[in-house]
Amino acid sequence: MSTQATRPPDIADIRKQLGLAARHLTAANGELRADRCISQIIYALTFTLEALWSAFPPEYPKEPAP
């Protein structure tokens, strides 16, 4: 998650990260780059969670029901 972001991530940010993940599956010489792919997928999931969090913020504090 970026601390300098002025807006929550949107679908374009998530698609970009997944596209980078797909590109890292194979390098130019066909070498498997699973480490980079997994890293990009984690970034995409982070952006997705951040977008969901900003769209549906939790309501704190909640009083317990009597």
N, C-alpha and C. Protein backbone atom coordinates (compact mmCIF):
# COMPACT_ATOMS: atom_id res chain seq x y z
N MET A 1 0.84 -1.18 0.00
CA MET A 1 0.00 0.00 0.00
C MET A 1 0.88 1.24 0.00
N SER A 2 0.49 2.15 -0.79
CA SER A 2 1.27 3.37 -0.91
C SER A 2 0.82 4.39 0.12
N THR A 3 1.80 4.99 0.79
CA THR A 3 1.46 6.02 1.76
C THR A 3 1.28 7.36 1.08
N GLN A 4 1.69 7.48 -0.18
CA GLN A 4 1.59 8.74 -0.90
C GLN A 4 0.35 8.79 -1.80
N ALA A 5 -0.45 7.74 -1.81
CA ALA A 5 -1.62 7.71 -2.69
C ALA A 5 -2.63 8.76 -2.24
N THR A 6 -3.14 9.50 -3.22
CA THR A 6 -4.15 10.52 -2.91
C THR A 6 -5.55 10.00 -3.20
N ARG A 7 -5.65 8.88 -3.88
CA ARG A 7 -6.94 8.29 -4.19
C ARG A 7 -6.85 6.79 -3.96
N PRO A 8 -7.98 6.17 -3.67
CA PRO A 8 -7.93 4.71 -3.53
C PRO A 8 -7.68 4.06 -4.88
N PRO A 9 -7.09 2.88 -4.88
CA PRO A 9 -6.84 2.21 -6.15
C PRO A 9 -8.16 1.85 -6.83
N ASP A 10 -8.15 1.82 -8.14
CA ASP A 10 -9.34 1.44 -8.88
C ASP A 10 -9.05 0.19 -9.70
N ILE A 11 -10.01 -0.20 -10.50
CA ILE A 11 -9.87 -1.44 -11.27
C ILE A 11 -8.68 -1.38 -12.23
N ALA A 12 -8.35 -0.19 -12.72
CA ALA A 12 -7.20 -0.06 -13.62
C ALA A 12 -5.90 -0.40 -12.90
N ASP A 13 -5.78 0.03 -11.64
CA ASP A 13 -4.58 -0.30 -10.87
C ASP A 13 -4.47 -1.80 -10.65
N ILE A 14 -5.59 -2.42 -10.35
CA ILE A 14 -5.59 -3.86 -10.10
C ILE A 14 -5.26 -4.62 -11.38
N ARG A 15 -5.87 -4.20 -12.50
CA ARG A 15 -5.58 -4.85 -13.79
C ARG A 15 -4.11 -4.70 -14.18
N LYS A 16 -3.53 -3.55 -13.88
CA LYS A 16 -2.12 -3.32 -14.20
C LYS A 16 -1.24 -4.30 -13.43
N GLN A 17 -1.52 -4.47 -12.14
CA GLN A 17 -0.72 -5.38 -11.34
C GLN A 17 -0.88 -6.83 -11.81
N LEU A 18 -2.10 -7.23 -12.18
CA LEU A 18 -2.29 -8.59 -12.68
C LEU A 18 -1.62 -8.77 -14.04
N GLY A 19 -1.61 -7.72 -14.85
CA GLY A 19 -0.91 -7.79 -16.14
C GLY A 19 0.59 -7.96 -15.94
N LEU A 20 1.14 -7.24 -14.97
CA LEU A 20 2.56 -7.40 -14.66
C LEU A 20 2.84 -8.80 -14.14
N ALA A 21 1.93 -9.34 -13.36
CA ALA A 21 2.10 -10.71 -12.87
C ALA A 21 2.16 -11.69 -14.02
N ALA A 22 1.26 -11.52 -14.98
CA ALA A 22 1.25 -12.41 -16.14
C ALA A 22 2.53 -12.28 -16.95
N ARG A 23 3.04 -11.05 -17.09
CA ARG A 23 4.28 -10.84 -17.84
C ARG A 23 5.47 -11.48 -17.14
N HIS A 24 5.44 -11.53 -15.81
CA HIS A 24 6.55 -12.10 -15.07
C HIS A 24 6.52 -13.63 -15.02
N LEU A 25 5.42 -14.22 -15.51
CA LEU A 25 5.38 -15.68 -15.51
C LEU A 25 6.53 -16.26 -16.32
N THR A 26 6.82 -15.63 -17.42
CA THR A 26 7.96 -16.08 -18.22
C THR A 26 8.79 -14.87 -18.60
N ALA A 27 10.07 -15.02 -18.50
CA ALA A 27 10.98 -13.96 -18.93
C ALA A 27 11.17 -14.09 -20.44
N ALA A 28 11.97 -13.21 -21.00
CA ALA A 28 12.18 -13.20 -22.45
C ALA A 28 12.75 -14.53 -22.94
N ASN A 29 13.56 -15.18 -22.12
CA ASN A 29 14.18 -16.44 -22.54
C ASN A 29 13.37 -17.66 -22.11
N GLY A 30 12.15 -17.46 -21.63
CA GLY A 30 11.30 -18.57 -21.24
C GLY A 30 11.54 -19.07 -19.82
N GLU A 31 12.42 -18.40 -19.10
CA GLU A 31 12.71 -18.80 -17.73
C GLU A 31 11.52 -18.47 -16.83
N LEU A 32 11.14 -19.40 -16.00
CA LEU A 32 10.01 -19.19 -15.10
C LEU A 32 10.38 -18.16 -14.04
N ARG A 33 9.54 -17.16 -13.87
CA ARG A 33 9.76 -16.11 -12.89
C ARG A 33 8.61 -16.10 -11.89
N ALA A 34 8.40 -17.23 -11.25
CA ALA A 34 7.29 -17.36 -10.31
C ALA A 34 7.41 -16.40 -9.15
N ASP A 35 8.63 -16.11 -8.71
CA ASP A 35 8.80 -15.19 -7.59
C ASP A 35 8.26 -13.81 -7.91
N ARG A 36 8.55 -13.29 -9.10
CA ARG A 36 8.05 -11.98 -9.51
C ARG A 36 6.54 -12.03 -9.74
N CYS A 37 6.05 -13.12 -10.29
CA CYS A 37 4.62 -13.27 -10.54
C CYS A 37 3.86 -13.24 -9.23
N ILE A 38 4.33 -13.99 -8.25
CA ILE A 38 3.67 -14.03 -6.94
C ILE A 38 3.70 -12.65 -6.30
N SER A 39 4.80 -11.95 -6.43
CA SER A 39 4.92 -10.61 -5.88
C SER A 39 3.87 -9.68 -6.49
N GLN A 40 3.68 -9.73 -7.81
CA GLN A 40 2.70 -8.87 -8.47
C GLN A 40 1.28 -9.24 -8.09
N ILE A 41 1.02 -10.53 -7.91
CA ILE A 41 -0.31 -10.96 -7.47
C ILE A 41 -0.59 -10.44 -6.07
N ILE A 42 0.41 -10.45 -5.20
CA ILE A 42 0.23 -9.90 -3.85
C ILE A 42 -0.06 -8.41 -3.92
N TYR A 43 0.65 -7.69 -4.79
CA TYR A 43 0.36 -6.26 -4.98
C TYR A 43 -1.09 -6.06 -5.43
N ALA A 44 -1.54 -6.88 -6.39
CA ALA A 44 -2.91 -6.75 -6.90
C ALA A 44 -3.92 -7.02 -5.79
N LEU A 45 -3.66 -8.03 -4.97
CA LEU A 45 -4.56 -8.31 -3.85
C LEU A 45 -4.56 -7.18 -2.84
N THR A 46 -3.39 -6.60 -2.62
CA THR A 46 -3.29 -5.47 -1.69
C THR A 46 -4.12 -4.29 -2.21
N PHE A 47 -3.99 -4.00 -3.51
CA PHE A 47 -4.78 -2.91 -4.11
C PHE A 47 -6.26 -3.21 -4.02
N THR A 48 -6.64 -4.48 -4.24
CA THR A 48 -8.05 -4.86 -4.16
C THR A 48 -8.59 -4.64 -2.75
N LEU A 49 -7.83 -5.09 -1.76
CA LEU A 49 -8.27 -4.90 -0.37
C LEU A 49 -8.35 -3.42 -0.01
N GLU A 50 -7.38 -2.64 -0.46
CA GLU A 50 -7.39 -1.21 -0.18
C GLU A 50 -8.61 -0.53 -0.83
N ALA A 51 -8.93 -0.95 -2.06
CA ALA A 51 -10.10 -0.39 -2.74
C ALA A 51 -11.38 -0.76 -2.02
N LEU A 52 -11.48 -2.01 -1.60
CA LEU A 52 -12.67 -2.43 -0.86
C LEU A 52 -12.78 -1.72 0.48
N TRP A 53 -11.66 -1.55 1.16
CA TRP A 53 -11.65 -0.88 2.45
C TRP A 53 -12.12 0.57 2.31
N SER A 54 -11.70 1.26 1.24
CA SER A 54 -12.12 2.64 1.07
C SER A 54 -13.57 2.73 0.59
N ALA A 55 -14.04 1.72 -0.13
CA ALA A 55 -15.43 1.73 -0.60
C ALA A 55 -16.41 1.36 0.52
N PHE A 56 -15.98 0.48 1.39
CA PHE A 56 -16.84 0.02 2.48
C PHE A 56 -16.08 0.12 3.80
N PRO A 57 -15.87 1.32 4.31
CA PRO A 57 -15.09 1.46 5.54
C PRO A 57 -15.83 0.84 6.73
N PRO A 58 -15.07 0.27 7.65
CA PRO A 58 -15.70 -0.31 8.83
C PRO A 58 -16.29 0.80 9.70
N GLU A 59 -17.31 0.48 10.40
CA GLU A 59 -17.95 1.44 11.29
C GLU A 59 -17.49 1.17 12.71
N TYR A 60 -16.56 1.98 13.18
CA TYR A 60 -16.03 1.82 14.54
C TYR A 60 -16.44 3.02 15.36
N PRO A 61 -16.54 2.95 16.62
CA PRO A 61 -16.69 1.71 17.39
C PRO A 61 -18.14 1.27 17.40
N LYS A 62 -18.33 0.00 17.49
CA LYS A 62 -19.69 -0.54 17.57
C LYS A 62 -19.92 -0.97 19.02
N GLU A 63 -21.04 -0.58 19.51
CA GLU A 63 -21.42 -0.98 20.86
C GLU A 63 -21.96 -2.40 20.82
N PRO A 64 -21.57 -3.21 21.80
CA PRO A 64 -22.14 -4.56 21.83
C PRO A 64 -23.63 -4.50 22.15
N ALA A 65 -24.36 -5.40 21.54
CA ALA A 65 -25.81 -5.44 21.77
C ALA A 65 -26.09 -5.87 23.21
N PRO A 66 -27.06 -5.24 23.85
CA PRO A 66 -27.35 -5.63 25.24
C PRO A 66 -28.01 -6.99 25.34
